[in-house]
Amino acid sequence: MISILLRSENETKKTNPLLLSPHPIFQTPVRAKPKIMLVGNNNSWFDRSCPTQAEKNLSQLVSSAPKVNSYMDHSSDFALDMKKIFGPDKDGFEGLGKLEYLSACVGINRQWIQIGPDDKPYGLDRGMQAAARKHSLSLGQSFTEYCEIRTRALIDAIQPEILVMLGGPAQDLYKSHAAPNGCQVVHSDSPSNRRGGPKNVAAAIRPFL
């Protein structure tokens, strides 16, 4: 099921400008029935200080299911926040002390674009987020809708025990759709929320571990 969906996405690349480049869909290796599955919004830049490293990190997550766990192996802001959240108590921050759960989780984004230093894809007159919401004649829906439908299908196929929706956009995945059967759904703040995001994420997940 997962390979079929990924192959279908690759075969559709020529139909929409936002599908012309490989997409970081999964953030980790993919396995069935993980303890935790993390759902974010979309990727930001993978390494603020080194564009070469950022491109290398991106290349490890596209075109097929990743062999690396971006949350553990990369140093993006999101990855650093997740290691802080699942890690031990440090510098006054009360972590979950469950890094092994982060290491074994499955991570996915609901929208398959990367918002990097250039927020306008080549050939478009608007930023990626605005372009993603625009109805596409070639897709018959917006790019965001295209991604969300397939993200829900991938979640259904993976069947996590605990599904953590990180932030409002991720939670919108199931705003008008029933959540997957048989899993506990955690509605959490986004770790990128600088008003206590990591602390709020840890507090939301803690009762389920």
N, C-alpha and C. Protein backbone atom coordinates (compact mmCIF):
# COMPACT_ATOMS: atom_id res chain seq x y z
N MET A 1 0.83 -1.20 0.00
CA MET A 1 0.00 0.00 0.00
C MET A 1 0.87 1.26 0.00
N ILE A 2 1.89 1.30 0.86
CA ILE A 2 2.75 2.48 0.97
C ILE A 2 3.53 2.67 -0.33
N SER A 3 4.11 1.60 -0.86
CA SER A 3 4.89 1.71 -2.09
C SER A 3 4.02 2.13 -3.26
N ILE A 4 2.77 1.68 -3.30
CA ILE A 4 1.85 2.06 -4.37
C ILE A 4 1.57 3.55 -4.31
N LEU A 5 1.33 4.08 -3.12
CA LEU A 5 1.04 5.51 -2.98
C LEU A 5 2.24 6.36 -3.36
N LEU A 6 3.43 5.96 -2.94
CA LEU A 6 4.63 6.71 -3.28
C LEU A 6 4.90 6.65 -4.77
N ARG A 7 4.67 5.50 -5.39
CA ARG A 7 4.87 5.38 -6.83
C ARG A 7 3.87 6.24 -7.58
N SER A 8 2.63 6.27 -7.11
CA SER A 8 1.61 7.10 -7.74
C SER A 8 1.99 8.57 -7.67
N GLU A 9 2.56 9.00 -6.54
CA GLU A 9 3.00 10.40 -6.40
C GLU A 9 4.10 10.72 -7.39
N ASN A 10 5.07 9.80 -7.55
CA ASN A 10 6.17 10.03 -8.47
C ASN A 10 5.69 10.13 -9.91
N GLU A 11 4.67 9.33 -10.27
CA GLU A 11 4.17 9.33 -11.63
C GLU A 11 3.39 10.59 -11.97
N THR A 12 3.02 11.38 -10.97
CA THR A 12 2.20 12.56 -11.18
C THR A 12 3.01 13.85 -11.24
N LYS A 13 4.33 13.76 -11.16
CA LYS A 13 5.17 14.93 -10.98
C LYS A 13 5.01 15.99 -12.06
N LYS A 14 4.69 15.60 -13.29
CA LYS A 14 4.67 16.55 -14.38
C LYS A 14 3.35 17.33 -14.47
N THR A 15 2.40 17.09 -13.58
CA THR A 15 1.08 17.68 -13.72
C THR A 15 0.92 19.01 -13.00
N ASN A 16 1.83 19.38 -12.13
CA ASN A 16 1.66 20.58 -11.33
C ASN A 16 3.04 21.13 -10.96
N PRO A 17 3.24 22.46 -11.01
CA PRO A 17 4.57 23.03 -10.69
C PRO A 17 5.10 22.62 -9.32
N LEU A 18 4.21 22.42 -8.35
CA LEU A 18 4.66 22.03 -7.02
C LEU A 18 5.06 20.56 -6.93
N LEU A 19 4.83 19.81 -8.01
CA LEU A 19 5.21 18.41 -8.03
C LEU A 19 6.45 18.15 -8.88
N LEU A 20 7.13 19.20 -9.29
CA LEU A 20 8.27 19.04 -10.18
C LEU A 20 9.54 18.62 -9.45
N SER A 21 9.61 18.85 -8.16
CA SER A 21 10.80 18.47 -7.38
C SER A 21 10.44 17.35 -6.43
N PRO A 22 11.42 16.52 -6.05
CA PRO A 22 11.15 15.47 -5.06
C PRO A 22 10.69 16.08 -3.74
N HIS A 23 9.83 15.39 -3.05
CA HIS A 23 9.24 15.93 -1.84
C HIS A 23 9.66 15.16 -0.60
N PRO A 24 9.92 15.85 0.48
CA PRO A 24 10.19 15.16 1.75
C PRO A 24 8.87 14.80 2.43
N ILE A 25 8.34 13.63 2.11
CA ILE A 25 7.05 13.19 2.66
C ILE A 25 7.28 12.59 4.05
N PHE A 26 7.99 11.47 4.08
CA PHE A 26 8.34 10.86 5.36
C PHE A 26 9.62 11.49 5.91
N GLN A 27 9.71 11.50 7.22
CA GLN A 27 10.88 12.06 7.90
C GLN A 27 11.75 10.97 8.53
N THR A 28 11.30 9.75 8.45
CA THR A 28 11.94 8.62 9.11
C THR A 28 11.77 7.37 8.23
N PRO A 29 12.48 6.30 8.55
CA PRO A 29 12.14 5.02 7.93
C PRO A 29 10.68 4.69 8.22
N VAL A 30 10.09 3.89 7.34
CA VAL A 30 8.67 3.55 7.47
C VAL A 30 8.54 2.12 7.97
N ARG A 31 7.73 1.95 9.00
CA ARG A 31 7.45 0.61 9.53
C ARG A 31 5.98 0.53 9.91
N ALA A 32 5.44 -0.65 9.88
CA ALA A 32 4.03 -0.84 10.22
C ALA A 32 3.84 -0.87 11.73
N LYS A 33 2.73 -0.32 12.18
CA LYS A 33 2.28 -0.36 13.57
C LYS A 33 3.33 0.13 14.56
N PRO A 34 3.87 1.33 14.34
CA PRO A 34 4.82 1.88 15.32
C PRO A 34 4.08 2.31 16.59
N LYS A 35 4.83 2.44 17.66
CA LYS A 35 4.25 2.96 18.90
C LYS A 35 3.74 4.38 18.68
N ILE A 36 4.56 5.22 18.02
CA ILE A 36 4.21 6.62 17.81
C ILE A 36 4.41 7.00 16.35
N MET A 37 3.45 7.76 15.82
CA MET A 37 3.61 8.38 14.51
C MET A 37 3.41 9.88 14.70
N LEU A 38 4.37 10.66 14.22
CA LEU A 38 4.33 12.11 14.36
C LEU A 38 3.91 12.73 13.03
N VAL A 39 2.95 13.64 13.08
CA VAL A 39 2.46 14.31 11.87
C VAL A 39 2.71 15.80 12.01
N GLY A 40 3.58 16.33 11.15
CA GLY A 40 3.85 17.76 11.14
C GLY A 40 3.16 18.44 9.97
N ASN A 41 3.46 19.70 9.77
CA ASN A 41 2.84 20.47 8.68
C ASN A 41 3.63 20.30 7.39
N ASN A 42 4.78 20.94 7.30
CA ASN A 42 5.67 20.79 6.15
C ASN A 42 7.10 21.06 6.60
N ASN A 43 8.04 20.70 5.75
CA ASN A 43 9.43 20.91 6.11
C ASN A 43 9.83 22.37 6.01
N SER A 44 10.66 22.79 6.93
CA SER A 44 11.38 24.06 6.80
C SER A 44 12.80 23.72 6.34
N TRP A 45 13.66 24.70 6.30
CA TRP A 45 15.02 24.47 5.81
C TRP A 45 15.75 23.51 6.72
N PHE A 46 16.51 22.58 6.16
CA PHE A 46 17.10 21.49 6.93
C PHE A 46 18.34 21.87 7.71
N ASP A 47 19.01 22.93 7.32
CA ASP A 47 20.20 23.38 8.06
C ASP A 47 20.40 24.85 7.76
N ARG A 48 20.16 25.70 8.75
CA ARG A 48 20.21 27.15 8.53
C ARG A 48 21.61 27.65 8.21
N SER A 49 22.63 27.00 8.75
CA SER A 49 23.99 27.53 8.65
C SER A 49 24.76 27.01 7.45
N CYS A 50 24.29 25.92 6.84
CA CYS A 50 25.07 25.30 5.77
C CYS A 50 24.15 24.80 4.66
N PRO A 51 24.02 25.55 3.56
CA PRO A 51 23.16 25.11 2.45
C PRO A 51 23.55 23.75 1.89
N THR A 52 24.84 23.46 1.85
CA THR A 52 25.29 22.16 1.33
C THR A 52 24.78 21.02 2.18
N GLN A 53 24.85 21.20 3.51
CA GLN A 53 24.34 20.17 4.42
C GLN A 53 22.83 20.07 4.32
N ALA A 54 22.16 21.20 4.14
CA ALA A 54 20.71 21.20 4.00
C ALA A 54 20.29 20.38 2.78
N GLU A 55 20.98 20.57 1.66
CA GLU A 55 20.67 19.80 0.45
C GLU A 55 20.96 18.31 0.66
N LYS A 56 22.02 18.00 1.36
CA LYS A 56 22.34 16.61 1.65
C LYS A 56 21.25 15.97 2.50
N ASN A 57 20.80 16.70 3.53
CA ASN A 57 19.74 16.18 4.39
C ASN A 57 18.46 15.94 3.60
N LEU A 58 18.11 16.91 2.72
CA LEU A 58 16.92 16.77 1.89
C LEU A 58 17.03 15.53 1.01
N SER A 59 18.20 15.31 0.42
CA SER A 59 18.37 14.19 -0.50
C SER A 59 18.16 12.84 0.18
N GLN A 60 18.33 12.81 1.51
CA GLN A 60 18.16 11.56 2.25
C GLN A 60 16.69 11.23 2.53
N LEU A 61 15.80 12.18 2.22
CA LEU A 61 14.39 11.99 2.57
C LEU A 61 13.46 11.91 1.37
N VAL A 62 13.98 12.05 0.16
CA VAL A 62 13.11 12.13 -1.01
C VAL A 62 13.28 10.94 -1.94
N SER A 63 12.29 10.79 -2.83
CA SER A 63 12.28 9.80 -3.91
C SER A 63 11.94 8.38 -3.46
N SER A 64 12.17 8.07 -2.21
CA SER A 64 11.78 6.76 -1.67
C SER A 64 11.68 6.91 -0.15
N ALA A 65 11.20 5.87 0.50
CA ALA A 65 11.11 5.92 1.96
C ALA A 65 12.51 6.12 2.54
N PRO A 66 12.69 7.05 3.48
CA PRO A 66 14.03 7.35 4.01
C PRO A 66 14.66 6.18 4.74
N LYS A 67 15.96 6.19 4.78
CA LYS A 67 16.72 5.23 5.58
C LYS A 67 17.28 5.90 6.83
N VAL A 68 17.08 7.21 6.96
CA VAL A 68 17.53 7.94 8.14
C VAL A 68 16.32 8.49 8.89
N ASN A 69 16.52 8.75 10.16
CA ASN A 69 15.50 9.40 10.98
C ASN A 69 15.91 10.86 11.10
N SER A 70 15.20 11.74 10.39
CA SER A 70 15.59 13.15 10.37
C SER A 70 15.54 13.77 11.75
N TYR A 71 14.62 13.31 12.59
CA TYR A 71 14.51 13.86 13.95
C TYR A 71 15.75 13.56 14.78
N MET A 72 16.36 12.41 14.54
CA MET A 72 17.54 12.00 15.30
C MET A 72 18.85 12.39 14.62
N ASP A 73 18.88 12.35 13.29
CA ASP A 73 20.14 12.45 12.55
C ASP A 73 20.44 13.84 12.00
N HIS A 74 19.42 14.70 11.92
CA HIS A 74 19.62 16.04 11.35
C HIS A 74 19.54 17.10 12.44
N SER A 75 19.96 18.31 12.08
CA SER A 75 20.00 19.40 13.06
C SER A 75 19.12 20.57 12.64
N SER A 76 18.00 20.26 12.00
CA SER A 76 17.03 21.32 11.72
C SER A 76 16.43 21.80 13.03
N ASP A 77 15.79 22.96 13.01
CA ASP A 77 15.15 23.47 14.23
C ASP A 77 14.13 22.47 14.75
N PHE A 78 13.35 21.88 13.83
CA PHE A 78 12.32 20.92 14.24
C PHE A 78 12.96 19.70 14.89
N ALA A 79 14.02 19.18 14.28
CA ALA A 79 14.68 18.00 14.83
C ALA A 79 15.26 18.30 16.22
N LEU A 80 15.87 19.45 16.39
CA LEU A 80 16.43 19.81 17.69
C LEU A 80 15.33 19.91 18.74
N ASP A 81 14.19 20.46 18.35
CA ASP A 81 13.06 20.54 19.29
C ASP A 81 12.57 19.15 19.67
N MET A 82 12.47 18.24 18.69
CA MET A 82 11.96 16.90 19.00
C MET A 82 12.92 16.14 19.89
N LYS A 83 14.22 16.29 19.68
CA LYS A 83 15.19 15.64 20.57
C LYS A 83 15.10 16.21 21.98
N LYS A 84 14.85 17.51 22.07
CA LYS A 84 14.67 18.13 23.39
C LYS A 84 13.43 17.58 24.07
N ILE A 85 12.33 17.47 23.33
CA ILE A 85 11.06 17.00 23.88
C ILE A 85 11.16 15.56 24.37
N PHE A 86 11.73 14.69 23.55
CA PHE A 86 11.80 13.27 23.90
C PHE A 86 13.02 12.92 24.75
N GLY A 87 13.93 13.87 24.91
CA GLY A 87 15.15 13.60 25.64
C GLY A 87 14.98 13.72 27.15
N PRO A 88 16.10 13.65 27.89
CA PRO A 88 16.06 13.75 29.35
C PRO A 88 15.89 15.20 29.80
N ASP A 89 15.57 15.37 31.06
CA ASP A 89 15.50 16.72 31.63
C ASP A 89 16.85 17.42 31.42
N LYS A 90 16.79 18.68 31.01
CA LYS A 90 18.03 19.41 30.77
C LYS A 90 17.80 20.90 30.88
N ASP A 91 18.64 21.57 31.62
CA ASP A 91 18.62 23.03 31.74
C ASP A 91 17.23 23.54 32.10
N GLY A 92 16.56 22.85 33.02
CA GLY A 92 15.25 23.30 33.49
C GLY A 92 14.09 22.83 32.63
N PHE A 93 14.36 22.19 31.49
CA PHE A 93 13.28 21.68 30.64
C PHE A 93 12.99 20.23 31.01
N GLU A 94 11.73 19.92 31.26
CA GLU A 94 11.32 18.57 31.65
C GLU A 94 11.01 17.75 30.40
N GLY A 95 11.99 16.96 29.97
CA GLY A 95 11.79 16.12 28.79
C GLY A 95 11.06 14.84 29.12
N LEU A 96 10.70 14.11 28.07
CA LEU A 96 9.96 12.86 28.25
C LEU A 96 10.88 11.71 28.66
N GLY A 97 12.18 11.85 28.43
CA GLY A 97 13.10 10.78 28.76
C GLY A 97 12.85 9.52 27.95
N LYS A 98 12.40 9.69 26.70
CA LYS A 98 12.02 8.55 25.85
C LYS A 98 12.61 8.70 24.45
N LEU A 99 13.89 8.97 24.35
CA LEU A 99 14.51 9.14 23.03
C LEU A 99 14.36 7.89 22.17
N GLU A 100 14.26 6.72 22.81
CA GLU A 100 14.10 5.50 22.04
C GLU A 100 12.77 5.49 21.28
N TYR A 101 11.77 6.20 21.81
CA TYR A 101 10.49 6.30 21.11
C TYR A 101 10.62 7.19 19.87
N LEU A 102 11.38 8.27 20.00
CA LEU A 102 11.61 9.14 18.85
C LEU A 102 12.41 8.40 17.79
N SER A 103 13.38 7.61 18.22
CA SER A 103 14.22 6.87 17.29
C SER A 103 13.43 5.84 16.51
N ALA A 104 12.39 5.28 17.12
CA ALA A 104 11.61 4.21 16.49
C ALA A 104 10.30 4.70 15.88
N CYS A 105 10.03 6.00 15.94
CA CYS A 105 8.75 6.52 15.47
C CYS A 105 8.72 6.56 13.94
N VAL A 106 7.53 6.79 13.39
CA VAL A 106 7.38 7.13 11.98
C VAL A 106 6.94 8.59 11.91
N GLY A 107 7.62 9.37 11.09
CA GLY A 107 7.29 10.79 10.95
C GLY A 107 6.86 11.10 9.53
N ILE A 108 5.85 11.93 9.41
CA ILE A 108 5.32 12.31 8.09
C ILE A 108 4.83 13.75 8.16
N ASN A 109 4.76 14.42 7.03
CA ASN A 109 4.18 15.75 6.96
C ASN A 109 2.89 15.72 6.17
N ARG A 110 1.96 16.59 6.52
CA ARG A 110 0.66 16.57 5.83
C ARG A 110 0.75 17.30 4.50
N GLN A 111 1.72 18.17 4.31
CA GLN A 111 1.88 18.91 3.06
C GLN A 111 3.30 18.74 2.55
N TRP A 112 3.43 18.24 1.33
CA TRP A 112 4.73 17.77 0.85
C TRP A 112 5.50 18.87 0.13
N ILE A 113 5.80 19.91 0.81
CA ILE A 113 6.66 20.95 0.28
C ILE A 113 7.67 21.34 1.35
N GLN A 114 8.76 21.92 0.92
CA GLN A 114 9.75 22.44 1.85
C GLN A 114 9.77 23.95 1.74
N ILE A 115 9.55 24.63 2.85
CA ILE A 115 9.65 26.08 2.91
C ILE A 115 11.08 26.41 3.33
N GLY A 116 11.87 26.86 2.38
CA GLY A 116 13.27 27.13 2.65
C GLY A 116 13.61 28.60 2.52
N PRO A 117 14.85 28.93 2.18
CA PRO A 117 15.25 30.33 2.08
C PRO A 117 14.55 31.06 0.94
N ASP A 118 14.07 30.31 -0.06
CA ASP A 118 13.32 30.92 -1.16
C ASP A 118 11.91 30.34 -1.13
N ASP A 119 10.94 31.17 -0.73
CA ASP A 119 9.58 30.70 -0.51
C ASP A 119 8.72 30.80 -1.77
N LYS A 120 9.34 30.99 -2.92
CA LYS A 120 8.56 31.08 -4.17
C LYS A 120 9.11 30.09 -5.18
N PRO A 121 8.33 29.06 -5.54
CA PRO A 121 8.82 28.09 -6.52
C PRO A 121 9.01 28.72 -7.89
N TYR A 122 9.97 28.22 -8.63
CA TYR A 122 10.28 28.76 -9.94
C TYR A 122 9.05 28.72 -10.84
N GLY A 123 8.75 29.83 -11.52
CA GLY A 123 7.66 29.88 -12.46
C GLY A 123 6.32 30.26 -11.86
N LEU A 124 6.26 30.45 -10.53
CA LEU A 124 5.01 30.84 -9.89
C LEU A 124 5.12 32.26 -9.37
N ASP A 125 3.98 32.97 -9.33
CA ASP A 125 3.99 34.36 -8.91
C ASP A 125 3.61 34.53 -7.45
N ARG A 126 3.58 33.45 -6.71
CA ARG A 126 3.21 33.52 -5.29
C ARG A 126 4.04 32.52 -4.49
N GLY A 127 4.03 32.67 -3.18
CA GLY A 127 4.78 31.76 -2.33
C GLY A 127 4.18 30.37 -2.32
N MET A 128 4.94 29.42 -1.80
CA MET A 128 4.52 28.03 -1.84
C MET A 128 3.22 27.78 -1.10
N GLN A 129 3.07 28.37 0.08
CA GLN A 129 1.86 28.12 0.85
C GLN A 129 0.63 28.59 0.11
N ALA A 130 0.69 29.80 -0.48
CA ALA A 130 -0.45 30.32 -1.23
C ALA A 130 -0.68 29.49 -2.49
N ALA A 131 0.40 29.13 -3.18
CA ALA A 131 0.26 28.32 -4.40
C ALA A 131 -0.33 26.95 -4.08
N ALA A 132 0.00 26.40 -2.93
CA ALA A 132 -0.48 25.07 -2.56
C ALA A 132 -1.98 25.06 -2.30
N ARG A 133 -2.54 26.19 -1.90
CA ARG A 133 -3.97 26.26 -1.61
C ARG A 133 -4.82 26.56 -2.84
N LYS A 134 -4.18 26.96 -3.95
CA LYS A 134 -4.91 27.31 -5.16
C LYS A 134 -5.37 26.06 -5.89
N HIS A 135 -6.63 26.09 -6.38
CA HIS A 135 -7.15 24.95 -7.13
C HIS A 135 -6.33 24.74 -8.39
N SER A 136 -5.98 23.50 -8.66
CA SER A 136 -5.18 23.14 -9.83
C SER A 136 -6.04 22.39 -10.83
N LEU A 137 -6.09 22.88 -12.07
CA LEU A 137 -6.84 22.18 -13.10
C LEU A 137 -6.23 20.83 -13.41
N SER A 138 -4.90 20.74 -13.35
CA SER A 138 -4.23 19.48 -13.67
C SER A 138 -4.46 18.42 -12.61
N LEU A 139 -4.55 18.84 -11.35
CA LEU A 139 -4.79 17.88 -10.27
C LEU A 139 -6.27 17.68 -9.98
N GLY A 140 -7.10 18.65 -10.36
CA GLY A 140 -8.52 18.59 -10.04
C GLY A 140 -8.80 18.96 -8.60
N GLN A 141 -7.84 19.53 -7.91
CA GLN A 141 -7.94 19.93 -6.51
C GLN A 141 -6.72 20.78 -6.21
N SER A 142 -6.62 21.31 -5.02
CA SER A 142 -5.42 22.05 -4.66
C SER A 142 -4.30 21.07 -4.33
N PHE A 143 -3.06 21.56 -4.38
CA PHE A 143 -1.93 20.72 -4.01
C PHE A 143 -2.03 20.28 -2.55
N THR A 144 -2.52 21.17 -1.69
CA THR A 144 -2.70 20.81 -0.28
C THR A 144 -3.68 19.66 -0.14
N GLU A 145 -4.80 19.73 -0.84
CA GLU A 145 -5.79 18.63 -0.78
C GLU A 145 -5.19 17.34 -1.33
N TYR A 146 -4.42 17.45 -2.40
CA TYR A 146 -3.74 16.30 -3.00
C TYR A 146 -2.88 15.60 -1.95
N CYS A 147 -2.10 16.38 -1.22
CA CYS A 147 -1.20 15.82 -0.21
C CYS A 147 -1.98 15.23 0.96
N GLU A 148 -2.99 15.95 1.43
CA GLU A 148 -3.72 15.51 2.62
C GLU A 148 -4.43 14.18 2.40
N ILE A 149 -5.02 14.00 1.23
CA ILE A 149 -5.70 12.74 0.93
C ILE A 149 -4.72 11.58 1.02
N ARG A 150 -3.55 11.75 0.45
CA ARG A 150 -2.56 10.69 0.44
C ARG A 150 -1.89 10.51 1.80
N THR A 151 -1.76 11.59 2.55
CA THR A 151 -1.20 11.46 3.90
C THR A 151 -2.14 10.65 4.78
N ARG A 152 -3.44 10.91 4.69
CA ARG A 152 -4.40 10.11 5.47
C ARG A 152 -4.33 8.64 5.07
N ALA A 153 -4.20 8.37 3.77
CA ALA A 153 -4.12 6.98 3.31
C ALA A 153 -2.86 6.29 3.84
N LEU A 154 -1.75 7.01 3.87
CA LEU A 154 -0.51 6.45 4.40
C LEU A 154 -0.63 6.18 5.89
N ILE A 155 -1.25 7.07 6.63
CA ILE A 155 -1.45 6.86 8.07
C ILE A 155 -2.32 5.63 8.29
N ASP A 156 -3.39 5.49 7.51
CA ASP A 156 -4.25 4.31 7.62
C ASP A 156 -3.47 3.03 7.37
N ALA A 157 -2.57 3.05 6.39
CA ALA A 157 -1.80 1.86 6.04
C ALA A 157 -0.78 1.51 7.12
N ILE A 158 -0.22 2.52 7.78
CA ILE A 158 0.83 2.31 8.78
C ILE A 158 0.26 1.86 10.13
N GLN A 159 -0.93 2.31 10.47
CA GLN A 159 -1.63 1.88 11.69
C GLN A 159 -0.82 2.11 12.97
N PRO A 160 -0.52 3.37 13.28
CA PRO A 160 0.22 3.64 14.52
C PRO A 160 -0.63 3.40 15.76
N GLU A 161 0.03 3.16 16.87
CA GLU A 161 -0.68 3.03 18.15
C GLU A 161 -1.08 4.41 18.68
N ILE A 162 -0.15 5.37 18.57
CA ILE A 162 -0.39 6.74 19.01
C ILE A 162 -0.09 7.67 17.84
N LEU A 163 -1.03 8.52 17.49
CA LEU A 163 -0.88 9.46 16.39
C LEU A 163 -0.83 10.87 16.96
N VAL A 164 0.31 11.53 16.82
CA VAL A 164 0.51 12.86 17.40
C VAL A 164 0.41 13.91 16.30
N MET A 165 -0.59 14.77 16.39
CA MET A 165 -0.82 15.82 15.40
C MET A 165 -0.17 17.10 15.92
N LEU A 166 0.93 17.50 15.31
CA LEU A 166 1.75 18.60 15.81
C LEU A 166 1.33 19.93 15.19
N GLY A 167 0.45 20.65 15.86
CA GLY A 167 0.03 21.97 15.40
C GLY A 167 -1.29 21.95 14.65
N GLY A 168 -1.89 23.14 14.53
CA GLY A 168 -3.20 23.29 13.90
C GLY A 168 -3.29 22.76 12.49
N PRO A 169 -2.35 23.10 11.59
CA PRO A 169 -2.43 22.59 10.21
C PRO A 169 -2.44 21.06 10.15
N ALA A 170 -1.62 20.40 10.96
CA ALA A 170 -1.62 18.94 10.99
C ALA A 170 -2.97 18.42 11.49
N GLN A 171 -3.52 19.07 12.49
CA GLN A 171 -4.80 18.65 13.04
C GLN A 171 -5.94 18.80 12.03
N ASP A 172 -5.77 19.69 11.07
CA ASP A 172 -6.79 19.88 10.03
C ASP A 172 -6.97 18.64 9.17
N LEU A 173 -6.01 17.73 9.18
CA LEU A 173 -6.12 16.50 8.41
C LEU A 173 -7.42 15.77 8.72
N TYR A 174 -7.83 15.81 9.99
CA TYR A 174 -9.01 15.07 10.40
C TYR A 174 -10.13 15.99 10.88
N LYS A 175 -10.07 17.24 10.45
CA LYS A 175 -11.12 18.18 10.83
C LYS A 175 -12.46 17.77 10.25
N SER A 176 -12.45 17.26 9.03
CA SER A 176 -13.70 16.83 8.38
C SER A 176 -13.67 15.35 8.04
N HIS A 177 -12.76 14.62 8.65
CA HIS A 177 -12.63 13.19 8.39
C HIS A 177 -12.47 12.45 9.71
N ALA A 178 -12.96 11.23 9.75
CA ALA A 178 -12.84 10.42 10.96
C ALA A 178 -11.38 10.03 11.17
N ALA A 179 -10.93 10.08 12.41
CA ALA A 179 -9.57 9.65 12.74
C ALA A 179 -9.44 8.15 12.53
N PRO A 180 -8.23 7.66 12.31
CA PRO A 180 -8.04 6.22 12.07
C PRO A 180 -8.54 5.39 13.25
N ASN A 181 -9.12 4.25 12.94
CA ASN A 181 -9.58 3.33 13.97
C ASN A 181 -8.41 2.69 14.69
N GLY A 182 -8.58 2.49 15.99
CA GLY A 182 -7.61 1.71 16.73
C GLY A 182 -6.37 2.44 17.19
N CYS A 183 -6.31 3.78 17.02
CA CYS A 183 -5.14 4.50 17.52
C CYS A 183 -5.60 5.67 18.38
N GLN A 184 -4.74 6.03 19.31
CA GLN A 184 -5.00 7.18 20.16
C GLN A 184 -4.47 8.43 19.47
N VAL A 185 -5.31 9.45 19.36
CA VAL A 185 -4.92 10.67 18.66
C VAL A 185 -4.60 11.75 19.68
N VAL A 186 -3.40 12.32 19.57
CA VAL A 186 -2.95 13.38 20.47
C VAL A 186 -2.92 14.69 19.69
N HIS A 187 -3.70 15.66 20.13
CA HIS A 187 -3.69 16.99 19.52
C HIS A 187 -2.71 17.85 20.31
N SER A 188 -1.65 18.25 19.66
CA SER A 188 -0.55 18.92 20.33
C SER A 188 -0.25 20.26 19.69
N ASP A 189 0.38 21.12 20.45
CA ASP A 189 0.94 22.35 19.91
C ASP A 189 2.05 21.99 18.92
N SER A 190 2.46 22.94 18.11
CA SER A 190 3.62 22.74 17.26
C SER A 190 4.88 23.06 18.05
N PRO A 191 5.94 22.27 17.91
CA PRO A 191 7.18 22.59 18.62
C PRO A 191 7.79 23.91 18.18
N SER A 192 7.42 24.38 16.99
CA SER A 192 7.98 25.64 16.49
C SER A 192 7.32 26.86 17.11
N ASN A 193 6.24 26.66 17.87
CA ASN A 193 5.61 27.77 18.58
C ASN A 193 6.54 28.23 19.69
N ARG A 194 7.09 29.42 19.54
CA ARG A 194 8.09 29.89 20.51
C ARG A 194 7.48 30.29 21.84
N ARG A 195 6.18 30.27 21.94
CA ARG A 195 5.52 30.54 23.22
C ARG A 195 5.23 29.22 23.93
N GLY A 196 6.28 28.53 24.26
CA GLY A 196 6.15 27.30 25.03
C GLY A 196 5.86 26.07 24.22
N GLY A 197 6.14 26.10 22.89
CA GLY A 197 5.83 24.97 22.03
C GLY A 197 6.39 23.65 22.51
N PRO A 198 7.71 23.51 22.68
CA PRO A 198 8.26 22.23 23.14
C PRO A 198 7.68 21.76 24.48
N LYS A 199 7.52 22.68 25.40
CA LYS A 199 6.94 22.31 26.69
C LYS A 199 5.51 21.81 26.51
N ASN A 200 4.74 22.46 25.64
CA ASN A 200 3.36 22.06 25.43
C ASN A 200 3.27 20.71 24.72
N VAL A 201 4.20 20.47 23.79
CA VAL A 201 4.22 19.17 23.09
C VAL A 201 4.52 18.05 24.09
N ALA A 202 5.52 18.25 24.92
CA ALA A 202 5.88 17.24 25.91
C ALA A 202 4.70 16.96 26.85
N ALA A 203 4.01 18.01 27.26
CA ALA A 203 2.87 17.84 28.17
C ALA A 203 1.73 17.07 27.50
N ALA A 204 1.54 17.30 26.20
CA ALA A 204 0.45 16.61 25.49
C ALA A 204 0.75 15.14 25.31
N ILE A 205 2.00 14.78 25.04
CA ILE A 205 2.37 13.39 24.76
C ILE A 205 2.55 12.57 26.04
N ARG A 206 3.02 13.21 27.10
CA ARG A 206 3.42 12.50 28.32
C ARG A 206 2.36 11.51 28.84
N PRO A 207 1.07 11.86 28.90
CA PRO A 207 0.09 10.90 29.45
C PRO A 207 -0.07 9.63 28.63
N PHE A 208 0.41 9.62 27.40
CA PHE A 208 0.20 8.46 26.53
C PHE A 208 1.38 7.50 26.53
N LEU A 209 2.48 7.87 27.20
CA LEU A 209 3.67 7.02 27.19
C LEU A 209 3.80 6.24 28.51
